[in-house]
Each structure stands twice: as C-alpha cells, then as structure tokens.
Amino acid sequence: MAKEKSLESEIGSYFSNLLRTNFGKGPTSVYVTIAEPFITVHFRGFISPMERVLINQKEHQRILETRDLMMDELKPDIMLELSKHLNNDVQELYADWNLEKETGMIISVLNGDDSEGSMPVPEDIDLEAFRGKIIEASNKAQKAPGSTTIYWLSDRTIVVRRTEILVEIEKALIKNGFEEQLKLAKRPLEHQMLLEVGIESVLNRSIAETFLDWNFEKDLGFTIFLLEPPKANET
C-alpha cells in the first residue's frame, strides 16, 4: 500500500511538472488512481492566464483544440515515462477537460488483464441497469455499442469502455480529416444524452464530473465518471 501511494505521488508530481512546463501553469491539485489496467489522473485548478482570457471571450473551443493538439504532441513522452514508472507498457492514453470547473482527466490503459470481473462493484449497484443506461445514451447519440465494459476503479471512479460506436457519417468525417471537429461535437452531445437517460438513478450516487475521449482508429470510446462522496447519513 505504501509503495502504491508513493507511486501515485510520483506520477502526480510528473504530471504537475509536465503541465506547468507545457501549458505555462500547473494544476493546484492532482489525484491519481492506479487500478490496473488503468491509471486515472484528475486535475483541479488547471487553467492558464491566457486561457482565462479566452474563456471570458467565449472561446472555449479554441482552448480545447489547443489542448488536444498539445496532448497529441506529448502523448509518446507521457506513455514512455509512465511505462518506466510502472514497469508495464502503456497501450493507450486519453484526455478530456472541464473548463468551467477548471479540471481535467487523463486515463492511461496498461498492458494486462482488462476483464470486467477483475474489479469489484458495490453491492448496492445494479450493474446491468447501469450498463443499460450507458447503451441507451449511446444509442440516442449515435448507435448501440458493440460492447460495453464497466470497470469500478475505486469508490469514486468508474471507467466505461464502448466499442463499435461510430456510424457511417462519422467514419466518413474521420476519413476526410475532421477528427478534431468530430470530437468537439461529440463531447457535448454525449454529455447531454447521459443526462437525458438519468444515469444517476441507477448509481445511487451523484456524479461530480464526466469525461469522454475516443480512439477513432479503433472505433472505441472511454467515459470516466467521478462520483460525489456518499452523504454523511449514508452507509
């Protein structure tokens, strides 16, 4: 346990320095969760002075485009550095941002067992009802996924992996070089669909934040839910 906490601290420090170096300002806090085959890194207080000016000018899309470009540039170095820390290969890396809350999420997918059953689900959660809500939201936004796999990383972090989610028009846009535009359009749409299906009703918990990212080449997407802590009178 102490070794894992030390590793989480090392990874948190690495990302704080990385963001400070490349974006001009680091986050005020970093929370790392290691639950193989995943590592999630949640940032708070992450917005640069220039980005704040752009937000005041309602230029949210420009910030997101710039961050996506920067992450694409940094991705090989991040994957290599994490692989060294963990003695395990990082296969994929995803990122999303919440500009209003000044937060962000990076998720790393490691080489190893990714079976759904390897991580426990709280007893009061109906996993199939939750999966059904995810499929319903996906179907409203585009189509039902080929598969929907749920990973419960901690008492507050859920990762959902969906495959075969792209419809033909999306594939055509990707083929014609509109990946970034498609990503920026899909995020608010999928956020809205998750709200419309009432996903909190099957979690018995409030959702603090939701992050989304995709691998269009592999036709898959990740959704990360951060849950609010249980209320004091809840057991």
C-alpha atoms as a PDB file:
ATOM      1  CA  MET A   1       0.000   0.000   0.000  1.00  0.00           C
ATOM      2  CA  ALA A   2       2.807   2.417   0.913  1.00  0.00           C
ATOM      3  CA  LYS A   3       4.576   1.565  -2.353  1.00  0.00           C
ATOM      4  CA  GLU A   4       1.401   2.274  -4.331  1.00  0.00           C
ATOM      5  CA  LYS A   5       0.891   5.608  -2.560  1.00  0.00           C
ATOM      6  CA  SER A   6       4.495   6.529  -3.354  1.00  0.00           C
ATOM      7  CA  LEU A   7       3.932   5.633  -6.996  1.00  0.00           C
ATOM      8  CA  GLU A   8       0.754   7.710  -7.113  1.00  0.00           C
ATOM      9  CA  SER A   9       2.701  10.643  -5.662  1.00  0.00           C
ATOM     10  CA  GLU A  10       5.480  10.229  -8.245  1.00  0.00           C
ATOM     11  CA  ILE A  11       3.006  10.138 -11.117  1.00  0.00           C
ATOM     12  CA  GLY A  12       1.123  13.136  -9.719  1.00  0.00           C
ATOM     13  CA  SER A  13       4.355  15.149  -9.498  1.00  0.00           C
ATOM     14  CA  TYR A  14       5.314  14.140 -13.025  1.00  0.00           C
ATOM     15  CA  PHE A  15       2.026  15.413 -14.451  1.00  0.00           C
ATOM     16  CA  SER A  16       2.113  18.622 -12.411  1.00  0.00           C
ATOM     17  CA  ASN A  17       5.560  19.443 -13.813  1.00  0.00           C
ATOM     18  CA  LEU A  18       4.574  18.363 -17.327  1.00  0.00           C
ATOM     19  CA  LEU A  19       1.539  20.631 -17.435  1.00  0.00           C
ATOM     20  CA  ARG A  20       3.399  23.538 -15.861  1.00  0.00           C
ATOM     21  CA  THR A  21       6.184  23.242 -18.441  1.00  0.00           C
ATOM     22  CA  ASN A  22       3.966  22.867 -21.496  1.00  0.00           C
ATOM     23  CA  PHE A  23       0.899  24.938 -20.599  1.00  0.00           C
ATOM     24  CA  GLY A  24       2.527  27.663 -18.535  1.00  0.00           C
ATOM     25  CA  LYS A  25       0.667  26.749 -15.336  1.00  0.00           C
ATOM     26  CA  GLY A  26       0.311  23.575 -13.353  1.00  0.00           C
ATOM     27  CA  PRO A  27      -2.818  22.306 -11.565  1.00  0.00           C
ATOM     28  CA  THR A  28      -3.482  23.202  -7.934  1.00  0.00           C
ATOM     29  CA  SER A  29      -4.003  19.508  -7.140  1.00  0.00           C
ATOM     30  CA  VAL A  30      -3.605  16.121  -8.811  1.00  0.00           C
ATOM     31  CA  TYR A  31      -5.376  12.919  -7.753  1.00  0.00           C
ATOM     32  CA  VAL A  32      -4.014   9.642  -9.161  1.00  0.00           C
ATOM     33  CA  THR A  33      -5.875   6.318  -9.072  1.00  0.00           C
ATOM     34  CA  ILE A  34      -3.988   3.147 -10.016  1.00  0.00           C
ATOM     35  CA  ALA A  35      -6.192   0.134 -10.672  1.00  0.00           C
ATOM     36  CA  GLU A  36      -4.609  -1.923 -13.423  1.00  0.00           C
ATOM     37  CA  PRO A  37      -5.078  -1.957 -16.312  1.00  0.00           C
ATOM     38  CA  PHE A  38      -5.943   1.721 -15.764  1.00  0.00           C
ATOM     39  CA  ILE A  39      -4.399   4.832 -14.287  1.00  0.00           C
ATOM     40  CA  THR A  40      -6.595   7.910 -13.967  1.00  0.00           C
ATOM     41  CA  VAL A  41      -5.122  11.334 -13.249  1.00  0.00           C
ATOM     42  CA  HIS A  42      -7.611  14.018 -12.201  1.00  0.00           C
ATOM     43  CA  PHE A  43      -6.541  17.673 -12.158  1.00  0.00           C
ATOM     44  CA  ARG A  44      -8.096  20.576 -10.293  1.00  0.00           C
ATOM     45  CA  GLY A  45      -7.376  24.265 -10.683  1.00  0.00           C
ATOM     46  CA  PHE A  46      -5.916  23.867 -14.156  1.00  0.00           C
ATOM     47  CA  ILE A  47      -6.360  26.947 -16.322  1.00  0.00           C
ATOM     48  CA  SER A  48      -3.675  29.304 -17.628  1.00  0.00           C
ATOM     49  CA  PRO A  49      -3.969  33.114 -17.596  1.00  0.00           C
ATOM     50  CA  MET A  50      -4.253  33.182 -21.399  1.00  0.00           C
ATOM     51  CA  GLU A  51      -6.938  30.514 -21.342  1.00  0.00           C
ATOM     52  CA  ARG A  52      -8.875  32.517 -18.777  1.00  0.00           C
ATOM     53  CA  VAL A  53      -8.857  35.465 -21.192  1.00  0.00           C
ATOM     54  CA  LEU A  54     -10.185  33.190 -23.959  1.00  0.00           C
ATOM     55  CA  ILE A  55     -12.901  31.835 -21.657  1.00  0.00           C
ATOM     56  CA  ASN A  56     -14.021  35.393 -20.914  1.00  0.00           C
ATOM     57  CA  GLN A  57     -14.271  35.871 -24.678  1.00  0.00           C
ATOM     58  CA  LYS A  58     -16.337  32.651 -25.034  1.00  0.00           C
ATOM     59  CA  GLU A  59     -13.540  30.960 -26.980  1.00  0.00           C
ATOM     60  CA  HIS A  60     -13.891  27.582 -25.265  1.00  0.00           C
ATOM     61  CA  GLN A  61     -13.469  25.607 -28.478  1.00  0.00           C
ATOM     62  CA  ARG A  62     -10.140  27.255 -29.248  1.00  0.00           C
ATOM     63  CA  ILE A  63      -8.808  26.204 -25.832  1.00  0.00           C
ATOM     64  CA  LEU A  64      -9.976  22.620 -26.295  1.00  0.00           C
ATOM     65  CA  GLU A  65      -8.445  22.421 -29.773  1.00  0.00           C
ATOM     66  CA  THR A  66      -5.113  23.715 -28.440  1.00  0.00           C
ATOM     67  CA  ARG A  67      -5.112  21.290 -25.531  1.00  0.00           C
ATOM     68  CA  ASP A  68      -5.923  18.365 -27.817  1.00  0.00           C
ATOM     69  CA  LEU A  69      -3.048  19.326 -30.123  1.00  0.00           C
ATOM     70  CA  MET A  70      -0.688  19.657 -27.182  1.00  0.00           C
ATOM     71  CA  MET A  71      -1.699  16.275 -25.761  1.00  0.00           C
ATOM     72  CA  ASP A  72      -1.203  14.635 -29.166  1.00  0.00           C
ATOM     73  CA  GLU A  73       2.319  16.057 -29.184  1.00  0.00           C
ATOM     74  CA  LEU A  74       3.062  14.966 -25.605  1.00  0.00           C
ATOM     75  CA  LYS A  75       1.424  11.542 -25.782  1.00  0.00           C
ATOM     76  CA  PRO A  76       4.521   9.489 -26.802  1.00  0.00           C
ATOM     77  CA  ASP A  77       6.637  11.017 -24.000  1.00  0.00           C
ATOM     78  CA  ILE A  78       3.874  10.532 -21.418  1.00  0.00           C
ATOM     79  CA  MET A  79       3.369   6.892 -22.391  1.00  0.00           C
ATOM     80  CA  LEU A  80       7.120   6.223 -22.227  1.00  0.00           C
ATOM     81  CA  GLU A  81       7.509   7.919 -18.840  1.00  0.00           C
ATOM     82  CA  LEU A  82       4.541   6.098 -17.299  1.00  0.00           C
ATOM     83  CA  SER A  83       5.826   2.790 -18.644  1.00  0.00           C
ATOM     84  CA  LYS A  84       9.106   3.407 -16.818  1.00  0.00           C
ATOM     85  CA  HIS A  85       7.350   4.250 -13.538  1.00  0.00           C
ATOM     86  CA  LEU A  86       5.096   1.210 -13.704  1.00  0.00           C
ATOM     87  CA  ASN A  87       7.363  -1.375 -15.347  1.00  0.00           C
ATOM     88  CA  ASN A  88       4.450  -2.019 -17.673  1.00  0.00           C
ATOM     89  CA  ASP A  89       3.666  -0.850 -21.186  1.00  0.00           C
ATOM     90  CA  VAL A  90       1.091   1.907 -21.605  1.00  0.00           C
ATOM     91  CA  GLN A  91      -1.040   0.924 -24.594  1.00  0.00           C
ATOM     92  CA  GLU A  92      -3.345   3.928 -24.907  1.00  0.00           C
ATOM     93  CA  LEU A  93      -3.750   7.432 -23.490  1.00  0.00           C
ATOM     94  CA  TYR A  94      -6.873   9.609 -23.374  1.00  0.00           C
ATOM     95  CA  ALA A  95      -7.654  13.094 -22.047  1.00  0.00           C
ATOM     96  CA  ASP A  96     -10.620  15.404 -21.503  1.00  0.00           C
ATOM     97  CA  TRP A  97     -11.172  18.771 -19.824  1.00  0.00           C
ATOM     98  CA  ASN A  98     -13.888  20.629 -17.931  1.00  0.00           C
ATOM     99  CA  LEU A  99     -13.113  24.301 -18.495  1.00  0.00           C
ATOM    100  CA  GLU A 100     -15.958  25.557 -16.303  1.00  0.00           C
ATOM    101  CA  LYS A 101     -14.686  23.637 -13.282  1.00  0.00           C
ATOM    102  CA  GLU A 102     -11.018  24.083 -14.300  1.00  0.00           C
ATOM    103  CA  THR A 103     -10.466  20.323 -14.113  1.00  0.00           C
ATOM    104  CA  GLY A 104      -9.111  17.635 -16.391  1.00  0.00           C
ATOM    105  CA  MET A 105      -8.705  13.885 -16.663  1.00  0.00           C
ATOM    106  CA  ILE A 106      -6.022  11.721 -18.258  1.00  0.00           C
ATOM    107  CA  ILE A 107      -6.555   7.973 -18.432  1.00  0.00           C
ATOM    108  CA  SER A 108      -3.803   5.506 -19.299  1.00  0.00           C
ATOM    109  CA  VAL A 109      -4.567   1.960 -20.426  1.00  0.00           C
ATOM    110  CA  LEU A 110      -1.873  -0.538 -19.469  1.00  0.00           C
ATOM    111  CA  ASN A 111      -0.936  -3.866 -20.948  1.00  0.00           C
ATOM    112  CA  GLY A 112      -2.643  -6.610 -18.954  1.00  0.00           C
ATOM    113  CA  ASP A 113      -5.891  -8.243 -17.970  1.00  0.00           C
ATOM    114  CA  ASP A 114      -8.835  -5.989 -18.756  1.00  0.00           C
ATOM    115  CA  SER A 115     -11.628  -8.373 -17.810  1.00  0.00           C
ATOM    116  CA  GLU A 116     -14.609  -6.639 -16.265  1.00  0.00           C
ATOM    117  CA  GLY A 117     -14.754  -9.053 -13.364  1.00  0.00           C
ATOM    118  CA  SER A 118     -11.293  -8.158 -12.088  1.00  0.00           C
ATOM    119  CA  MET A 119     -12.615  -5.128 -10.172  1.00  0.00           C
ATOM    120  CA  PRO A 120     -15.395  -5.297  -7.543  1.00  0.00           C
ATOM    121  CA  VAL A 121     -18.678  -3.413  -7.930  1.00  0.00           C
ATOM    122  CA  PRO A 122     -20.506  -2.077  -4.838  1.00  0.00           C
ATOM    123  CA  GLU A 123     -23.264  -4.408  -3.691  1.00  0.00           C
ATOM    124  CA  ASP A 124     -25.971  -1.758  -3.939  1.00  0.00           C
ATOM    125  CA  ILE A 125     -25.325  -1.159  -7.656  1.00  0.00           C
ATOM    126  CA  ASP A 126     -27.308  -2.996 -10.340  1.00  0.00           C
ATOM    127  CA  LEU A 127     -24.517  -3.347 -12.895  1.00  0.00           C
ATOM    128  CA  GLU A 128     -26.803  -4.418 -15.734  1.00  0.00           C
ATOM    129  CA  ALA A 129     -29.152  -1.472 -15.134  1.00  0.00           C
ATOM    130  CA  PHE A 130     -26.136   0.845 -15.269  1.00  0.00           C
ATOM    131  CA  ARG A 131     -24.915  -0.815 -18.461  1.00  0.00           C
ATOM    132  CA  GLY A 132     -28.394  -0.437 -19.904  1.00  0.00           C
ATOM    133  CA  LYS A 133     -28.348   3.324 -19.271  1.00  0.00           C
ATOM    134  CA  ILE A 134     -24.949   3.617 -20.979  1.00  0.00           C
ATOM    135  CA  ILE A 135     -26.233   1.720 -24.013  1.00  0.00           C
ATOM    136  CA  GLU A 136     -29.411   3.837 -24.091  1.00  0.00           C
ATOM    137  CA  ALA A 137     -27.390   7.065 -24.050  1.00  0.00           C
ATOM    138  CA  SER A 138     -25.059   5.792 -26.748  1.00  0.00           C
ATOM    139  CA  ASN A 139     -27.989   4.721 -28.889  1.00  0.00           C
ATOM    140  CA  LYS A 140     -29.565   8.184 -28.595  1.00  0.00           C
ATOM    141  CA  ALA A 141     -26.302   9.873 -29.626  1.00  0.00           C
ATOM    142  CA  GLN A 142     -25.271   7.531 -32.419  1.00  0.00           C
ATOM    143  CA  LYS A 143     -25.969   3.790 -32.068  1.00  0.00           C
ATOM    144  CA  ALA A 144     -25.800   0.987 -29.525  1.00  0.00           C
ATOM    145  CA  PRO A 145     -22.184  -0.101 -28.895  1.00  0.00           C
ATOM    146  CA  GLY A 146     -20.864  -3.462 -29.991  1.00  0.00           C
ATOM    147  CA  SER A 147     -19.729  -3.991 -26.392  1.00  0.00           C
ATOM    148  CA  THR A 148     -19.959  -2.017 -23.144  1.00  0.00           C
ATOM    149  CA  THR A 149     -17.448  -2.919 -20.435  1.00  0.00           C
ATOM    150  CA  ILE A 150     -17.561  -1.335 -16.978  1.00  0.00           C
ATOM    151  CA  TYR A 151     -14.608  -1.040 -14.586  1.00  0.00           C
ATOM    152  CA  TRP A 152     -15.061   0.121 -10.995  1.00  0.00           C
ATOM    153  CA  LEU A 153     -11.644   1.592 -10.175  1.00  0.00           C
ATOM    154  CA  SER A 154     -12.435   2.990  -6.726  1.00  0.00           C
ATOM    155  CA  ASP A 155     -15.386   4.134  -4.616  1.00  0.00           C
ATOM    156  CA  ARG A 156     -15.487   7.311  -6.713  1.00  0.00           C
ATOM    157  CA  THR A 157     -14.136   6.374 -10.161  1.00  0.00           C
ATOM    158  CA  ILE A 158     -15.873   4.363 -12.889  1.00  0.00           C
ATOM    159  CA  VAL A 159     -14.442   3.708 -16.348  1.00  0.00           C
ATOM    160  CA  VAL A 160     -16.698   2.593 -19.210  1.00  0.00           C
ATOM    161  CA  ARG A 161     -15.242   1.258 -22.459  1.00  0.00           C
ATOM    162  CA  ARG A 162     -17.500   1.074 -25.515  1.00  0.00           C
ATOM    163  CA  THR A 163     -16.572  -0.499 -28.852  1.00  0.00           C
ATOM    164  CA  GLU A 164     -18.082  -0.250 -32.359  1.00  0.00           C
ATOM    165  CA  ILE A 165     -19.763   3.085 -31.689  1.00  0.00           C
ATOM    166  CA  LEU A 166     -19.171   5.026 -34.914  1.00  0.00           C
ATOM    167  CA  VAL A 167     -21.895   5.477 -37.509  1.00  0.00           C
ATOM    168  CA  GLU A 168     -21.131   5.807 -41.219  1.00  0.00           C
ATOM    169  CA  ILE A 169     -21.233   9.617 -41.362  1.00  0.00           C
ATOM    170  CA  GLU A 170     -18.719   9.766 -38.506  1.00  0.00           C
ATOM    171  CA  LYS A 171     -16.434   7.329 -40.300  1.00  0.00           C
ATOM    172  CA  ALA A 172     -16.648   9.498 -43.417  1.00  0.00           C
ATOM    173  CA  LEU A 173     -15.750  12.634 -41.440  1.00  0.00           C
ATOM    174  CA  ILE A 174     -12.762  10.857 -39.906  1.00  0.00           C
ATOM    175  CA  LYS A 175     -11.621   9.606 -43.309  1.00  0.00           C
ATOM    176  CA  ASN A 176     -11.757  13.183 -44.616  1.00  0.00           C
ATOM    177  CA  GLY A 177      -9.645  14.604 -41.800  1.00  0.00           C
ATOM    178  CA  PHE A 178     -12.321  16.016 -39.482  1.00  0.00           C
ATOM    179  CA  GLU A 179     -11.375  14.037 -36.376  1.00  0.00           C
ATOM    180  CA  GLU A 180     -10.897  17.063 -34.125  1.00  0.00           C
ATOM    181  CA  GLN A 181     -14.147  18.700 -35.232  1.00  0.00           C
ATOM    182  CA  LEU A 182     -15.997  15.430 -34.657  1.00  0.00           C
ATOM    183  CA  LYS A 183     -14.514  15.048 -31.179  1.00  0.00           C
ATOM    184  CA  LEU A 184     -15.512  18.586 -30.210  1.00  0.00           C
ATOM    185  CA  ALA A 185     -19.057  17.957 -31.480  1.00  0.00           C
ATOM    186  CA  LYS A 186     -19.472  14.561 -29.809  1.00  0.00           C
ATOM    187  CA  ARG A 187     -18.492  15.622 -26.287  1.00  0.00           C
ATOM    188  CA  PRO A 188     -21.403  17.966 -25.512  1.00  0.00           C
ATOM    189  CA  LEU A 189     -23.825  15.670 -27.340  1.00  0.00           C
ATOM    190  CA  GLU A 190     -22.862  12.598 -25.332  1.00  0.00           C
ATOM    191  CA  HIS A 191     -22.856  14.586 -22.094  1.00  0.00           C
ATOM    192  CA  GLN A 192     -26.429  15.649 -22.858  1.00  0.00           C
ATOM    193  CA  MET A 193     -27.551  12.101 -23.679  1.00  0.00           C
ATOM    194  CA  LEU A 194     -26.155  10.801 -20.379  1.00  0.00           C
ATOM    195  CA  LEU A 195     -28.166  13.447 -18.559  1.00  0.00           C
ATOM    196  CA  GLU A 196     -31.329  12.630 -20.515  1.00  0.00           C
ATOM    197  CA  VAL A 197     -31.288   8.907 -19.654  1.00  0.00           C
ATOM    198  CA  GLY A 198     -30.960   9.677 -15.925  1.00  0.00           C
ATOM    199  CA  ILE A 199     -27.855   7.647 -15.301  1.00  0.00           C
ATOM    200  CA  GLU A 200     -27.552   8.820 -11.672  1.00  0.00           C
ATOM    201  CA  SER A 201     -30.785   6.984 -10.856  1.00  0.00           C
ATOM    202  CA  VAL A 202     -29.067   3.574 -11.139  1.00  0.00           C
ATOM    203  CA  LEU A 203     -25.872   4.604  -9.337  1.00  0.00           C
ATOM    204  CA  ASN A 204     -27.470   5.730  -6.045  1.00  0.00           C
ATOM    205  CA  ARG A 205     -24.833   8.444  -6.092  1.00  0.00           C
ATOM    206  CA  SER A 206     -24.484  11.880  -7.670  1.00  0.00           C
ATOM    207  CA  ILE A 207     -21.993  12.294 -10.500  1.00  0.00           C
ATOM    208  CA  ALA A 208     -19.478  15.069  -9.875  1.00  0.00           C
ATOM    209  CA  GLU A 209     -17.913  15.045 -13.335  1.00  0.00           C
ATOM    210  CA  THR A 210     -17.959  13.076 -16.569  1.00  0.00           C
ATOM    211  CA  PHE A 211     -15.050  12.888 -19.006  1.00  0.00           C
ATOM    212  CA  LEU A 212     -15.056  11.476 -22.547  1.00  0.00           C
ATOM    213  CA  ASP A 213     -12.494  10.575 -25.175  1.00  0.00           C
ATOM    214  CA  TRP A 214     -12.231   8.281 -28.200  1.00  0.00           C
ATOM    215  CA  ASN A 215      -9.885   6.274 -30.347  1.00  0.00           C
ATOM    216  CA  PHE A 216     -11.459   6.721 -33.759  1.00  0.00           C
ATOM    217  CA  GLU A 217      -8.967   4.402 -35.449  1.00  0.00           C
ATOM    218  CA  LYS A 218     -10.029   1.524 -33.185  1.00  0.00           C
ATOM    219  CA  ASP A 219     -13.694   2.623 -33.074  1.00  0.00           C
ATOM    220  CA  LEU A 220     -13.887   2.772 -29.293  1.00  0.00           C
ATOM    221  CA  GLY A 221     -14.573   5.328 -26.612  1.00  0.00           C
ATOM    222  CA  PHE A 222     -13.967   5.797 -22.899  1.00  0.00           C
ATOM    223  CA  THR A 223     -16.246   7.508 -20.398  1.00  0.00           C
ATOM    224  CA  ILE A 224     -14.963   8.271 -16.898  1.00  0.00           C
ATOM    225  CA  PHE A 225     -17.433   9.077 -14.126  1.00  0.00           C
ATOM    226  CA  LEU A 226     -16.263  10.750 -10.921  1.00  0.00           C
ATOM    227  CA  LEU A 227     -18.830  10.262  -8.199  1.00  0.00           C
ATOM    228  CA  GLU A 228     -19.615  12.579  -5.314  1.00  0.00           C
ATOM    229  CA  PRO A 229     -18.666  11.195  -1.883  1.00  0.00           C
ATOM    230  CA  PRO A 230     -21.540   9.490  -0.028  1.00  0.00           C
ATOM    231  CA  LYS A 231     -23.528  11.767   2.236  1.00  0.00           C
ATOM    232  CA  ALA A 232     -22.754  11.566   5.928  1.00  0.00           C
ATOM    233  CA  ASN A 233     -26.002   9.746   6.748  1.00  0.00           C
ATOM    234  CA  GLU A 234     -25.455   7.125   4.053  1.00  0.00           C
ATOM    235  CA  THR A 235     -23.837   3.796   4.791  1.00  0.00           C
END
